[in-house]
Amino acid sequence: MVPDCATADGLVERVASSRPDVVLVDWDLPGLRSGGVLPRLRAGTPSCRVVALSGRPEHRDEALRMGAVSFVSKGDAPDSLLRALRALRGVR
């Protein structure tokens, strides 16, 4: 389990040291979109899959384009996150 991170750089460091299979990340995490963090996560931990969350559904395409394997809007039904995580069981 990767603990909470306050910045995208902190996230990259924690993911590299803990090597999780899945990272659930708030798309508004400071530095996340500007620093190409998702490709850096994948480079350091190729098996890591990122599920992006945002209260702004218009970020979906951007998150997927930048490397998230799934996107859940905070306004979606509560079980949307569970469905997204369950769908990752067979994805590598």
N, C-alpha and C. Protein backbone atom coordinates (compact mmCIF):
# COMPACT_ATOMS: atom_id res chain seq x y z
N MET A 1 0.84 -1.18 0.00
CA MET A 1 0.00 0.00 0.00
C MET A 1 0.89 1.24 0.00
N VAL A 2 0.57 2.19 -0.85
CA VAL A 2 1.28 3.46 -0.90
C VAL A 2 0.50 4.46 -0.07
N PRO A 3 1.16 5.09 0.89
CA PRO A 3 0.44 6.08 1.69
C PRO A 3 0.09 7.31 0.89
N ASP A 4 -0.68 8.19 1.51
CA ASP A 4 -1.04 9.46 0.87
C ASP A 4 0.21 10.23 0.49
N CYS A 5 0.12 10.93 -0.61
CA CYS A 5 1.21 11.78 -1.07
C CYS A 5 0.64 13.15 -1.35
N ALA A 6 1.43 14.18 -1.03
CA ALA A 6 0.97 15.55 -1.22
C ALA A 6 1.32 16.11 -2.58
N THR A 7 2.31 15.50 -3.25
CA THR A 7 2.74 16.01 -4.55
C THR A 7 3.00 14.84 -5.51
N ALA A 8 3.06 15.16 -6.77
CA ALA A 8 3.33 14.14 -7.78
C ALA A 8 4.73 13.56 -7.62
N ASP A 9 5.71 14.39 -7.30
CA ASP A 9 7.07 13.88 -7.11
C ASP A 9 7.13 12.92 -5.93
N GLY A 10 6.40 13.24 -4.87
CA GLY A 10 6.32 12.34 -3.72
C GLY A 10 5.68 11.01 -4.11
N LEU A 11 4.70 11.08 -4.98
CA LEU A 11 4.04 9.86 -5.46
C LEU A 11 5.02 8.98 -6.23
N VAL A 12 5.80 9.59 -7.11
CA VAL A 12 6.78 8.82 -7.89
C VAL A 12 7.76 8.12 -6.96
N GLU A 13 8.25 8.83 -5.95
CA GLU A 13 9.20 8.24 -5.00
C GLU A 13 8.58 7.08 -4.23
N ARG A 14 7.36 7.28 -3.74
CA ARG A 14 6.72 6.22 -2.95
C ARG A 14 6.37 5.00 -3.79
N VAL A 15 5.93 5.22 -5.01
CA VAL A 15 5.61 4.10 -5.89
C VAL A 15 6.87 3.32 -6.22
N ALA A 16 7.97 4.03 -6.47
CA ALA A 16 9.24 3.36 -6.79
C ALA A 16 9.72 2.51 -5.63
N SER A 17 9.52 2.97 -4.41
CA SER A 17 10.02 2.22 -3.26
C SER A 17 9.08 1.10 -2.82
N SER A 18 7.78 1.26 -3.05
CA SER A 18 6.84 0.23 -2.58
C SER A 18 6.34 -0.69 -3.69
N ARG A 19 6.48 -0.28 -4.95
CA ARG A 19 6.14 -1.09 -6.11
C ARG A 19 4.73 -1.70 -6.06
N PRO A 20 3.69 -0.87 -5.91
CA PRO A 20 2.32 -1.38 -5.86
C PRO A 20 1.84 -1.82 -7.25
N ASP A 21 0.81 -2.63 -7.25
CA ASP A 21 0.19 -3.04 -8.51
C ASP A 21 -0.75 -1.97 -9.06
N VAL A 22 -1.42 -1.27 -8.15
CA VAL A 22 -2.42 -0.27 -8.53
C VAL A 22 -2.21 0.98 -7.68
N VAL A 23 -2.33 2.14 -8.33
CA VAL A 23 -2.28 3.42 -7.62
C VAL A 23 -3.56 4.16 -7.94
N LEU A 24 -4.23 4.61 -6.91
CA LEU A 24 -5.43 5.41 -7.04
C LEU A 24 -5.00 6.85 -6.79
N VAL A 25 -5.14 7.71 -7.80
CA VAL A 25 -4.58 9.05 -7.69
C VAL A 25 -5.62 10.12 -8.04
N ASP A 26 -5.62 11.18 -7.23
CA ASP A 26 -6.48 12.32 -7.51
C ASP A 26 -5.86 13.10 -8.66
N TRP A 27 -6.59 13.30 -9.72
CA TRP A 27 -6.07 13.94 -10.91
C TRP A 27 -5.64 15.38 -10.65
N ASP A 28 -6.07 15.97 -9.54
CA ASP A 28 -5.68 17.33 -9.20
C ASP A 28 -4.50 17.38 -8.24
N LEU A 29 -3.82 16.27 -8.04
CA LEU A 29 -2.62 16.24 -7.21
C LEU A 29 -1.60 17.23 -7.77
N PRO A 30 -1.06 18.12 -6.94
CA PRO A 30 -0.12 19.13 -7.45
C PRO A 30 1.04 18.51 -8.23
N GLY A 31 1.22 19.00 -9.46
CA GLY A 31 2.30 18.54 -10.32
C GLY A 31 2.00 17.32 -11.15
N LEU A 32 0.84 16.72 -10.98
CA LEU A 32 0.55 15.46 -11.67
C LEU A 32 0.49 15.62 -13.17
N ARG A 33 -0.24 16.60 -13.65
CA ARG A 33 -0.43 16.74 -15.09
C ARG A 33 0.72 17.46 -15.78
N SER A 34 1.37 18.34 -15.06
CA SER A 34 2.40 19.15 -15.72
C SER A 34 3.73 18.42 -15.86
N GLY A 35 4.00 17.43 -15.02
CA GLY A 35 5.33 16.82 -15.03
C GLY A 35 5.43 15.47 -15.71
N GLY A 36 4.42 15.06 -16.43
CA GLY A 36 4.50 13.75 -17.07
C GLY A 36 4.69 12.62 -16.07
N VAL A 37 4.01 12.72 -14.95
CA VAL A 37 4.20 11.78 -13.84
C VAL A 37 3.76 10.36 -14.20
N LEU A 38 2.67 10.21 -14.92
CA LEU A 38 2.20 8.85 -15.21
C LEU A 38 3.22 8.07 -16.02
N PRO A 39 3.82 8.65 -17.05
CA PRO A 39 4.88 7.90 -17.74
C PRO A 39 6.06 7.59 -16.82
N ARG A 40 6.38 8.49 -15.89
CA ARG A 40 7.47 8.22 -14.94
C ARG A 40 7.12 7.08 -14.01
N LEU A 41 5.86 6.99 -13.59
CA LEU A 41 5.43 5.88 -12.75
C LEU A 41 5.59 4.57 -13.49
N ARG A 42 5.15 4.56 -14.74
CA ARG A 42 5.23 3.34 -15.56
C ARG A 42 6.69 2.95 -15.82
N ALA A 43 7.55 3.93 -16.01
CA ALA A 43 8.96 3.63 -16.29
C ALA A 43 9.62 3.00 -15.07
N GLY A 44 9.32 3.51 -13.89
CA GLY A 44 9.93 2.99 -12.67
C GLY A 44 9.29 1.71 -12.16
N THR A 45 8.04 1.53 -12.45
CA THR A 45 7.29 0.36 -11.98
C THR A 45 6.36 -0.06 -13.11
N PRO A 46 6.87 -0.81 -14.11
CA PRO A 46 6.08 -1.12 -15.31
C PRO A 46 4.75 -1.82 -15.04
N SER A 47 4.66 -2.59 -13.97
CA SER A 47 3.42 -3.31 -13.70
C SER A 47 2.38 -2.44 -12.98
N CYS A 48 2.76 -1.23 -12.57
CA CYS A 48 1.85 -0.36 -11.85
C CYS A 48 0.77 0.18 -12.79
N ARG A 49 -0.46 0.08 -12.36
CA ARG A 49 -1.58 0.62 -13.12
C ARG A 49 -2.21 1.75 -12.33
N VAL A 50 -2.51 2.82 -13.00
CA VAL A 50 -3.02 4.02 -12.35
C VAL A 50 -4.51 4.19 -12.65
N VAL A 51 -5.29 4.35 -11.59
CA VAL A 51 -6.69 4.71 -11.70
C VAL A 51 -6.78 6.17 -11.25
N ALA A 52 -7.23 7.03 -12.14
CA ALA A 52 -7.33 8.45 -11.85
C ALA A 52 -8.73 8.81 -11.38
N LEU A 53 -8.79 9.69 -10.40
CA LEU A 53 -10.06 10.20 -9.87
C LEU A 53 -10.09 11.70 -10.05
N SER A 54 -11.25 12.23 -10.37
CA SER A 54 -11.40 13.67 -10.44
C SER A 54 -12.86 14.04 -10.26
N GLY A 55 -13.07 15.19 -9.69
CA GLY A 55 -14.42 15.73 -9.59
C GLY A 55 -14.85 16.38 -10.89
N ARG A 56 -13.94 16.40 -11.85
CA ARG A 56 -14.24 17.04 -13.13
C ARG A 56 -14.14 15.99 -14.24
N PRO A 57 -15.26 15.46 -14.67
CA PRO A 57 -15.26 14.38 -15.66
C PRO A 57 -14.61 14.76 -16.99
N GLU A 58 -14.49 16.05 -17.26
CA GLU A 58 -13.84 16.46 -18.51
C GLU A 58 -12.34 16.11 -18.53
N HIS A 59 -11.79 15.68 -17.41
CA HIS A 59 -10.38 15.26 -17.36
C HIS A 59 -10.18 13.81 -17.80
N ARG A 60 -11.25 13.09 -18.04
CA ARG A 60 -11.17 11.67 -18.39
C ARG A 60 -10.22 11.41 -19.57
N ASP A 61 -10.45 12.07 -20.69
CA ASP A 61 -9.63 11.82 -21.88
C ASP A 61 -8.16 12.13 -21.64
N GLU A 62 -7.91 13.23 -20.96
CA GLU A 62 -6.52 13.62 -20.66
C GLU A 62 -5.84 12.56 -19.80
N ALA A 63 -6.53 12.09 -18.77
CA ALA A 63 -5.95 11.08 -17.87
C ALA A 63 -5.63 9.79 -18.63
N LEU A 64 -6.55 9.36 -19.45
CA LEU A 64 -6.32 8.12 -20.21
C LEU A 64 -5.21 8.30 -21.24
N ARG A 65 -5.17 9.44 -21.86
CA ARG A 65 -4.12 9.74 -22.84
C ARG A 65 -2.74 9.76 -22.17
N MET A 66 -2.68 10.22 -20.93
CA MET A 66 -1.40 10.33 -20.23
C MET A 66 -0.97 9.04 -19.55
N GLY A 67 -1.81 7.99 -19.62
CA GLY A 67 -1.37 6.70 -19.11
C GLY A 67 -2.19 6.05 -18.03
N ALA A 68 -3.24 6.71 -17.55
CA ALA A 68 -4.12 6.05 -16.59
C ALA A 68 -4.84 4.91 -17.30
N VAL A 69 -5.03 3.80 -16.62
CA VAL A 69 -5.74 2.68 -17.23
C VAL A 69 -7.24 2.80 -17.02
N SER A 70 -7.63 3.66 -16.09
CA SER A 70 -9.04 3.85 -15.81
C SER A 70 -9.23 5.24 -15.21
N PHE A 71 -10.45 5.73 -15.31
CA PHE A 71 -10.78 7.05 -14.77
C PHE A 71 -12.15 6.94 -14.11
N VAL A 72 -12.26 7.48 -12.92
CA VAL A 72 -13.54 7.50 -12.21
C VAL A 72 -13.81 8.94 -11.79
N SER A 73 -14.95 9.45 -12.17
CA SER A 73 -15.35 10.78 -11.74
C SER A 73 -15.90 10.67 -10.33
N LYS A 74 -15.57 11.64 -9.51
CA LYS A 74 -16.08 11.63 -8.13
C LYS A 74 -17.59 11.78 -8.09
N GLY A 75 -18.19 12.20 -9.20
CA GLY A 75 -19.63 12.31 -9.28
C GLY A 75 -20.31 11.04 -9.75
N ASP A 76 -19.53 10.04 -10.15
CA ASP A 76 -20.09 8.75 -10.59
C ASP A 76 -20.71 8.00 -9.42
N ALA A 77 -21.49 7.02 -9.72
CA ALA A 77 -22.08 6.17 -8.67
C ALA A 77 -20.96 5.56 -7.84
N PRO A 78 -21.18 5.39 -6.53
CA PRO A 78 -20.13 4.87 -5.66
C PRO A 78 -19.52 3.54 -6.11
N ASP A 79 -20.31 2.69 -6.74
CA ASP A 79 -19.75 1.40 -7.14
C ASP A 79 -18.88 1.49 -8.40
N SER A 80 -18.79 2.67 -9.02
CA SER A 80 -17.94 2.84 -10.20
C SER A 80 -16.48 2.58 -9.88
N LEU A 81 -16.04 3.02 -8.73
CA LEU A 81 -14.66 2.78 -8.33
C LEU A 81 -14.41 1.29 -8.13
N LEU A 82 -15.33 0.62 -7.50
CA LEU A 82 -15.18 -0.83 -7.31
C LEU A 82 -15.13 -1.56 -8.65
N ARG A 83 -16.00 -1.16 -9.57
CA ARG A 83 -15.98 -1.79 -10.90
C ARG A 83 -14.65 -1.56 -11.60
N ALA A 84 -14.13 -0.34 -11.51
CA ALA A 84 -12.85 -0.02 -12.15
C ALA A 84 -11.72 -0.86 -11.55
N LEU A 85 -11.70 -1.00 -10.25
CA LEU A 85 -10.65 -1.79 -9.60
C LEU A 85 -10.81 -3.28 -9.92
N ARG A 86 -12.02 -3.78 -9.91
CA ARG A 86 -12.23 -5.20 -10.25
C ARG A 86 -11.84 -5.50 -11.68
N ALA A 87 -12.04 -4.55 -12.58
CA ALA A 87 -11.69 -4.75 -13.99
C ALA A 87 -10.18 -4.90 -14.17
N LEU A 88 -9.40 -4.41 -13.22
CA LEU A 88 -7.95 -4.48 -13.32
C LEU A 88 -7.39 -5.87 -12.99
N ARG A 89 -8.18 -6.71 -12.40
CA ARG A 89 -7.68 -8.03 -12.02
C ARG A 89 -7.05 -8.78 -13.19
N GLY A 90 -7.62 -8.63 -14.37
CA GLY A 90 -7.10 -9.36 -15.52
C GLY A 90 -6.23 -8.50 -16.44
N VAL A 91 -5.98 -7.24 -16.06
CA VAL A 91 -5.22 -6.33 -16.91
C VAL A 91 -3.78 -6.26 -16.43
N ARG A 92 -2.84 -6.32 -17.34
CA ARG A 92 -1.41 -6.15 -16.99
C ARG A 92 -0.77 -5.18 -17.92
